[in-house]
Amino acid sequence: MLQITPQHQLYIAIEPVDFRRGIDGLRHSAQSLWQSDPFCGHIFIFRNRRGTSVKLLNYDGNGFWLCQKRFSSGKLKWWPSTLAQATCLRAVELMIMLQQGYPKEANVPEAWHQLPHTL
């Protein structure tokens, strides 16, 4: 089971990707977009062109997880459009975004004590 925690480093692709790509295609996208090792345990997040689906790629030490959420109705209400918006997104805000909400309007309090990114 894939669990998104505050310790996870999130990498969000601002531009949509071709969702015909599987694990290997998205792994290569992660390497080229962020010059990051996809085997590092970070969560790489992608969306399709229409905003009706999101994919998360994560390596857990034993293999890759590729999770896809296709919305039964509607589209993503919000997706980061700048690098600054994408890099400051927290795990709780990602969960709100995946429920078709607006993370910045959810009024989630700041963390009392910032957790280090250990994964």
N, C-alpha and C. Protein backbone atom coordinates (compact mmCIF):
# COMPACT_ATOMS: atom_id res chain seq x y z
N MET A 1 0.84 -1.17 0.00
CA MET A 1 0.00 0.00 0.00
C MET A 1 0.88 1.24 0.00
N LEU A 2 0.56 2.18 -0.83
CA LEU A 2 1.30 3.44 -0.90
C LEU A 2 0.72 4.40 0.12
N GLN A 3 1.59 4.93 0.95
CA GLN A 3 1.17 5.88 1.96
C GLN A 3 1.91 7.19 1.73
N ILE A 4 1.18 8.30 1.71
CA ILE A 4 1.79 9.61 1.52
C ILE A 4 1.91 10.26 2.89
N THR A 5 3.15 10.51 3.30
CA THR A 5 3.40 11.08 4.62
C THR A 5 4.10 12.43 4.49
N PRO A 6 4.11 13.22 5.56
CA PRO A 6 4.80 14.50 5.51
C PRO A 6 6.30 14.37 5.24
N GLN A 7 6.88 13.20 5.51
CA GLN A 7 8.30 13.00 5.26
C GLN A 7 8.64 12.78 3.79
N HIS A 8 7.65 12.43 3.00
CA HIS A 8 7.91 12.20 1.58
C HIS A 8 8.22 13.51 0.87
N GLN A 9 9.20 13.45 0.01
CA GLN A 9 9.49 14.56 -0.89
C GLN A 9 8.58 14.38 -2.10
N LEU A 10 7.82 15.42 -2.43
CA LEU A 10 6.88 15.36 -3.55
C LEU A 10 7.45 16.09 -4.75
N TYR A 11 7.39 15.45 -5.90
CA TYR A 11 7.81 16.06 -7.15
C TYR A 11 6.60 16.07 -8.08
N ILE A 12 6.10 17.25 -8.39
CA ILE A 12 4.88 17.39 -9.18
C ILE A 12 5.21 17.95 -10.55
N ALA A 13 4.86 17.22 -11.60
CA ALA A 13 5.07 17.69 -12.97
C ALA A 13 4.04 18.77 -13.28
N ILE A 14 4.50 19.94 -13.61
CA ILE A 14 3.60 21.05 -13.89
C ILE A 14 2.86 20.80 -15.20
N GLU A 15 3.57 20.33 -16.20
CA GLU A 15 2.98 20.06 -17.52
C GLU A 15 2.40 18.65 -17.55
N PRO A 16 1.30 18.45 -18.26
CA PRO A 16 0.72 17.10 -18.37
C PRO A 16 1.65 16.15 -19.13
N VAL A 17 1.48 14.86 -18.86
CA VAL A 17 2.26 13.84 -19.56
C VAL A 17 1.30 12.88 -20.27
N ASP A 18 1.86 12.13 -21.19
CA ASP A 18 1.11 11.12 -21.93
C ASP A 18 0.82 9.95 -20.99
N PHE A 19 -0.44 9.69 -20.71
CA PHE A 19 -0.80 8.65 -19.76
C PHE A 19 -0.75 7.24 -20.34
N ARG A 20 -0.32 7.10 -21.57
CA ARG A 20 -0.07 5.76 -22.09
C ARG A 20 1.23 5.22 -21.52
N ARG A 21 2.03 6.10 -20.92
CA ARG A 21 3.29 5.68 -20.30
C ARG A 21 3.01 4.86 -19.05
N GLY A 22 3.82 3.84 -18.90
CA GLY A 22 3.73 3.01 -17.70
C GLY A 22 4.86 3.37 -16.75
N ILE A 23 5.26 2.41 -15.94
CA ILE A 23 6.30 2.65 -14.93
C ILE A 23 7.59 3.12 -15.57
N ASP A 24 8.06 2.41 -16.58
CA ASP A 24 9.35 2.77 -17.18
C ASP A 24 9.31 4.13 -17.84
N GLY A 25 8.24 4.45 -18.54
CA GLY A 25 8.12 5.75 -19.18
C GLY A 25 8.08 6.89 -18.17
N LEU A 26 7.33 6.71 -17.09
CA LEU A 26 7.26 7.74 -16.07
C LEU A 26 8.56 7.83 -15.27
N ARG A 27 9.23 6.71 -15.10
CA ARG A 27 10.54 6.71 -14.44
C ARG A 27 11.53 7.56 -15.23
N HIS A 28 11.52 7.41 -16.55
CA HIS A 28 12.39 8.22 -17.41
C HIS A 28 11.97 9.69 -17.36
N SER A 29 10.68 9.95 -17.29
CA SER A 29 10.20 11.34 -17.16
C SER A 29 10.71 11.95 -15.86
N ALA A 30 10.66 11.19 -14.77
CA ALA A 30 11.15 11.69 -13.48
C ALA A 30 12.64 12.01 -13.56
N GLN A 31 13.40 11.15 -14.22
CA GLN A 31 14.83 11.40 -14.36
C GLN A 31 15.10 12.65 -15.18
N SER A 32 14.37 12.83 -16.27
CA SER A 32 14.64 13.97 -17.14
C SER A 32 14.07 15.28 -16.60
N LEU A 33 12.90 15.24 -15.97
CA LEU A 33 12.30 16.47 -15.45
C LEU A 33 13.04 17.02 -14.24
N TRP A 34 13.40 16.13 -13.32
CA TRP A 34 13.97 16.59 -12.05
C TRP A 34 15.42 16.18 -11.84
N GLN A 35 16.03 15.48 -12.80
CA GLN A 35 17.38 14.97 -12.63
C GLN A 35 17.51 14.26 -11.28
N SER A 36 16.48 13.51 -10.97
CA SER A 36 16.40 12.81 -9.69
C SER A 36 16.38 11.31 -9.93
N ASP A 37 16.95 10.59 -9.00
CA ASP A 37 16.97 9.14 -9.06
C ASP A 37 15.59 8.61 -8.69
N PRO A 38 14.87 7.96 -9.60
CA PRO A 38 13.53 7.46 -9.27
C PRO A 38 13.53 6.36 -8.21
N PHE A 39 14.70 5.83 -7.88
CA PHE A 39 14.81 4.79 -6.87
C PHE A 39 15.01 5.37 -5.47
N CYS A 40 14.84 6.68 -5.30
CA CYS A 40 15.15 7.37 -4.05
C CYS A 40 14.03 7.33 -3.02
N GLY A 41 12.84 6.90 -3.40
CA GLY A 41 11.73 6.84 -2.46
C GLY A 41 10.83 8.06 -2.49
N HIS A 42 11.15 9.04 -3.32
CA HIS A 42 10.30 10.22 -3.45
C HIS A 42 9.03 9.84 -4.22
N ILE A 43 8.02 10.69 -4.14
CA ILE A 43 6.78 10.46 -4.89
C ILE A 43 6.73 11.43 -6.05
N PHE A 44 6.62 10.88 -7.25
CA PHE A 44 6.55 11.67 -8.48
C PHE A 44 5.10 11.68 -8.94
N ILE A 45 4.57 12.87 -9.19
CA ILE A 45 3.15 13.03 -9.45
C ILE A 45 2.94 13.64 -10.83
N PHE A 46 2.06 13.02 -11.60
CA PHE A 46 1.80 13.45 -12.97
C PHE A 46 0.29 13.57 -13.19
N ARG A 47 -0.09 14.40 -14.14
CA ARG A 47 -1.51 14.49 -14.52
C ARG A 47 -1.63 14.35 -16.03
N ASN A 48 -2.82 13.97 -16.46
CA ASN A 48 -3.05 13.87 -17.90
C ASN A 48 -3.47 15.25 -18.45
N ARG A 49 -3.54 15.34 -19.75
CA ARG A 49 -3.81 16.62 -20.42
C ARG A 49 -5.18 17.19 -20.05
N ARG A 50 -6.18 16.34 -19.93
CA ARG A 50 -7.54 16.82 -19.64
C ARG A 50 -7.79 17.10 -18.16
N GLY A 51 -6.86 16.68 -17.30
CA GLY A 51 -7.05 16.90 -15.87
C GLY A 51 -8.07 15.97 -15.23
N THR A 52 -8.31 14.84 -15.87
CA THR A 52 -9.28 13.88 -15.34
C THR A 52 -8.63 12.72 -14.61
N SER A 53 -7.28 12.71 -14.59
CA SER A 53 -6.58 11.59 -14.00
C SER A 53 -5.21 12.02 -13.49
N VAL A 54 -4.75 11.35 -12.43
CA VAL A 54 -3.45 11.63 -11.81
C VAL A 54 -2.74 10.31 -11.59
N LYS A 55 -1.42 10.28 -11.81
CA LYS A 55 -0.61 9.10 -11.52
C LYS A 55 0.49 9.47 -10.54
N LEU A 56 0.75 8.56 -9.59
CA LEU A 56 1.81 8.71 -8.61
C LEU A 56 2.77 7.54 -8.78
N LEU A 57 4.06 7.86 -8.85
CA LEU A 57 5.10 6.84 -9.00
C LEU A 57 6.01 6.90 -7.78
N ASN A 58 6.26 5.73 -7.18
CA ASN A 58 7.09 5.66 -5.97
C ASN A 58 7.82 4.33 -5.94
N TYR A 59 9.08 4.38 -5.50
CA TYR A 59 9.87 3.16 -5.31
C TYR A 59 9.96 2.91 -3.81
N ASP A 60 9.61 1.71 -3.36
CA ASP A 60 9.58 1.41 -1.93
C ASP A 60 10.74 0.55 -1.44
N GLY A 61 11.76 0.38 -2.27
CA GLY A 61 12.89 -0.46 -1.88
C GLY A 61 12.80 -1.87 -2.42
N ASN A 62 11.62 -2.26 -2.84
CA ASN A 62 11.39 -3.60 -3.35
C ASN A 62 10.82 -3.58 -4.76
N GLY A 63 10.29 -2.45 -5.16
CA GLY A 63 9.68 -2.32 -6.47
C GLY A 63 8.97 -0.99 -6.59
N PHE A 64 8.47 -0.72 -7.78
CA PHE A 64 7.76 0.53 -8.04
C PHE A 64 6.28 0.36 -7.79
N TRP A 65 5.69 1.41 -7.21
CA TRP A 65 4.24 1.55 -7.13
C TRP A 65 3.84 2.55 -8.19
N LEU A 66 2.83 2.21 -8.95
CA LEU A 66 2.23 3.15 -9.89
C LEU A 66 0.75 3.19 -9.57
N CYS A 67 0.33 4.31 -9.00
CA CYS A 67 -1.07 4.47 -8.61
C CYS A 67 -1.72 5.49 -9.52
N GLN A 68 -2.91 5.20 -9.95
CA GLN A 68 -3.66 6.13 -10.79
C GLN A 68 -5.02 6.39 -10.17
N LYS A 69 -5.38 7.66 -10.18
CA LYS A 69 -6.74 8.04 -9.79
C LYS A 69 -7.39 8.69 -10.98
N ARG A 70 -8.49 8.09 -11.43
CA ARG A 70 -9.30 8.68 -12.49
C ARG A 70 -10.60 9.14 -11.84
N PHE A 71 -10.88 10.41 -11.98
CA PHE A 71 -12.06 10.97 -11.33
C PHE A 71 -13.33 10.45 -12.01
N SER A 72 -14.29 10.03 -11.20
CA SER A 72 -15.52 9.49 -11.76
C SER A 72 -16.36 10.57 -12.42
N SER A 73 -16.20 11.80 -11.95
CA SER A 73 -16.86 12.92 -12.61
C SER A 73 -16.03 14.17 -12.36
N GLY A 74 -15.97 15.00 -13.35
CA GLY A 74 -15.25 16.25 -13.20
C GLY A 74 -13.76 16.13 -13.44
N LYS A 75 -13.07 17.22 -13.13
CA LYS A 75 -11.63 17.33 -13.35
C LYS A 75 -10.98 17.89 -12.10
N LEU A 76 -9.67 17.90 -12.12
CA LEU A 76 -8.92 18.54 -11.04
C LEU A 76 -9.34 20.00 -10.95
N LYS A 77 -9.61 20.45 -9.76
CA LYS A 77 -9.97 21.85 -9.57
C LYS A 77 -8.74 22.75 -9.60
N TRP A 78 -7.60 22.19 -9.17
CA TRP A 78 -6.38 22.98 -9.09
C TRP A 78 -5.18 22.09 -9.36
N TRP A 79 -4.21 22.64 -10.06
CA TRP A 79 -2.93 21.99 -10.31
C TRP A 79 -1.88 23.09 -10.34
N PRO A 80 -0.71 22.86 -9.76
CA PRO A 80 0.29 23.93 -9.75
C PRO A 80 0.68 24.35 -11.17
N SER A 81 0.78 25.65 -11.36
CA SER A 81 1.15 26.16 -12.69
C SER A 81 2.57 26.73 -12.70
N THR A 82 3.19 26.83 -11.53
CA THR A 82 4.56 27.33 -11.45
C THR A 82 5.40 26.37 -10.60
N LEU A 83 6.69 26.46 -10.77
CA LEU A 83 7.61 25.64 -9.98
C LEU A 83 7.48 25.97 -8.50
N ALA A 84 7.29 27.25 -8.17
CA ALA A 84 7.15 27.65 -6.77
C ALA A 84 5.93 27.00 -6.13
N GLN A 85 4.81 26.95 -6.84
CA GLN A 85 3.61 26.31 -6.30
C GLN A 85 3.82 24.82 -6.12
N ALA A 86 4.53 24.20 -7.05
CA ALA A 86 4.73 22.75 -7.01
C ALA A 86 5.69 22.35 -5.89
N THR A 87 6.71 23.14 -5.63
CA THR A 87 7.71 22.75 -4.65
C THR A 87 7.27 22.97 -3.21
N CYS A 88 6.30 23.83 -3.00
CA CYS A 88 5.88 24.09 -1.61
C CYS A 88 4.65 23.28 -1.21
N LEU A 89 4.14 22.43 -2.08
CA LEU A 89 2.96 21.64 -1.78
C LEU A 89 3.29 20.57 -0.73
N ARG A 90 2.48 20.49 0.30
CA ARG A 90 2.68 19.51 1.37
C ARG A 90 1.81 18.28 1.13
N ALA A 91 2.12 17.20 1.84
CA ALA A 91 1.38 15.94 1.67
C ALA A 91 -0.11 16.13 1.92
N VAL A 92 -0.47 16.87 2.94
CA VAL A 92 -1.89 17.08 3.25
C VAL A 92 -2.57 17.87 2.13
N GLU A 93 -1.86 18.80 1.53
CA GLU A 93 -2.42 19.57 0.42
C GLU A 93 -2.57 18.72 -0.82
N LEU A 94 -1.64 17.77 -1.03
CA LEU A 94 -1.78 16.84 -2.14
C LEU A 94 -3.04 16.00 -1.97
N MET A 95 -3.31 15.55 -0.76
CA MET A 95 -4.51 14.75 -0.52
C MET A 95 -5.78 15.55 -0.80
N ILE A 96 -5.76 16.83 -0.44
CA ILE A 96 -6.91 17.70 -0.74
C ILE A 96 -7.07 17.86 -2.24
N MET A 97 -5.95 18.06 -2.93
CA MET A 97 -5.96 18.21 -4.38
C MET A 97 -6.52 16.95 -5.05
N LEU A 98 -6.15 15.78 -4.53
CA LEU A 98 -6.62 14.52 -5.10
C LEU A 98 -8.11 14.28 -4.83
N GLN A 99 -8.69 15.05 -3.92
CA GLN A 99 -10.13 14.99 -3.67
C GLN A 99 -10.86 16.12 -4.41
N GLN A 100 -10.17 16.69 -5.39
CA GLN A 100 -10.70 17.76 -6.25
C GLN A 100 -10.98 19.05 -5.46
N GLY A 101 -10.14 19.31 -4.48
CA GLY A 101 -10.27 20.53 -3.69
C GLY A 101 -9.17 21.53 -4.03
N TYR A 102 -9.25 22.68 -3.41
CA TYR A 102 -8.25 23.73 -3.55
C TYR A 102 -7.37 23.71 -2.30
N PRO A 103 -6.13 23.28 -2.40
CA PRO A 103 -5.30 23.13 -1.20
C PRO A 103 -5.09 24.43 -0.42
N LYS A 104 -4.91 25.53 -1.09
CA LYS A 104 -4.61 26.77 -0.39
C LYS A 104 -5.86 27.37 0.26
N GLU A 105 -7.04 26.98 -0.20
CA GLU A 105 -8.27 27.47 0.39
C GLU A 105 -8.77 26.57 1.52
N ALA A 106 -8.10 25.45 1.76
CA ALA A 106 -8.53 24.51 2.80
C ALA A 106 -8.17 25.01 4.19
N ASN A 107 -7.32 26.01 4.26
CA ASN A 107 -6.96 26.62 5.53
C ASN A 107 -6.32 25.61 6.48
N VAL A 108 -5.42 24.78 5.95
CA VAL A 108 -4.69 23.81 6.76
C VAL A 108 -3.61 24.57 7.53
N PRO A 109 -3.54 24.40 8.84
CA PRO A 109 -2.52 25.13 9.60
C PRO A 109 -1.11 24.68 9.23
N GLU A 110 -0.18 25.59 9.42
CA GLU A 110 1.23 25.25 9.19
C GLU A 110 1.66 24.20 10.21
N ALA A 111 2.65 23.42 9.86
CA ALA A 111 3.16 22.39 10.76
C ALA A 111 3.76 23.05 12.00
N TRP A 112 3.47 22.48 13.13
CA TRP A 112 4.00 23.01 14.38
C TRP A 112 5.51 22.83 14.43
N HIS A 113 5.95 21.65 13.98
CA HIS A 113 7.38 21.34 13.92
C HIS A 113 7.63 20.66 12.58
N GLN A 114 8.44 21.26 11.74
CA GLN A 114 8.70 20.71 10.42
C GLN A 114 9.43 19.39 10.50
N LEU A 115 8.91 18.37 9.83
CA LEU A 115 9.55 17.06 9.79
C LEU A 115 10.60 17.04 8.68
N PRO A 116 11.73 16.38 8.93
CA PRO A 116 12.75 16.30 7.87
C PRO A 116 12.31 15.33 6.79
N HIS A 117 12.75 15.60 5.58
CA HIS A 117 12.50 14.66 4.48
C HIS A 117 13.53 13.56 4.57
N THR A 118 13.11 12.40 5.02
CA THR A 118 14.03 11.29 5.23
C THR A 118 13.91 10.22 4.18
N LEU A 119 12.88 10.26 3.39
CA LEU A 119 12.68 9.21 2.38
C LEU A 119 13.28 9.60 1.08
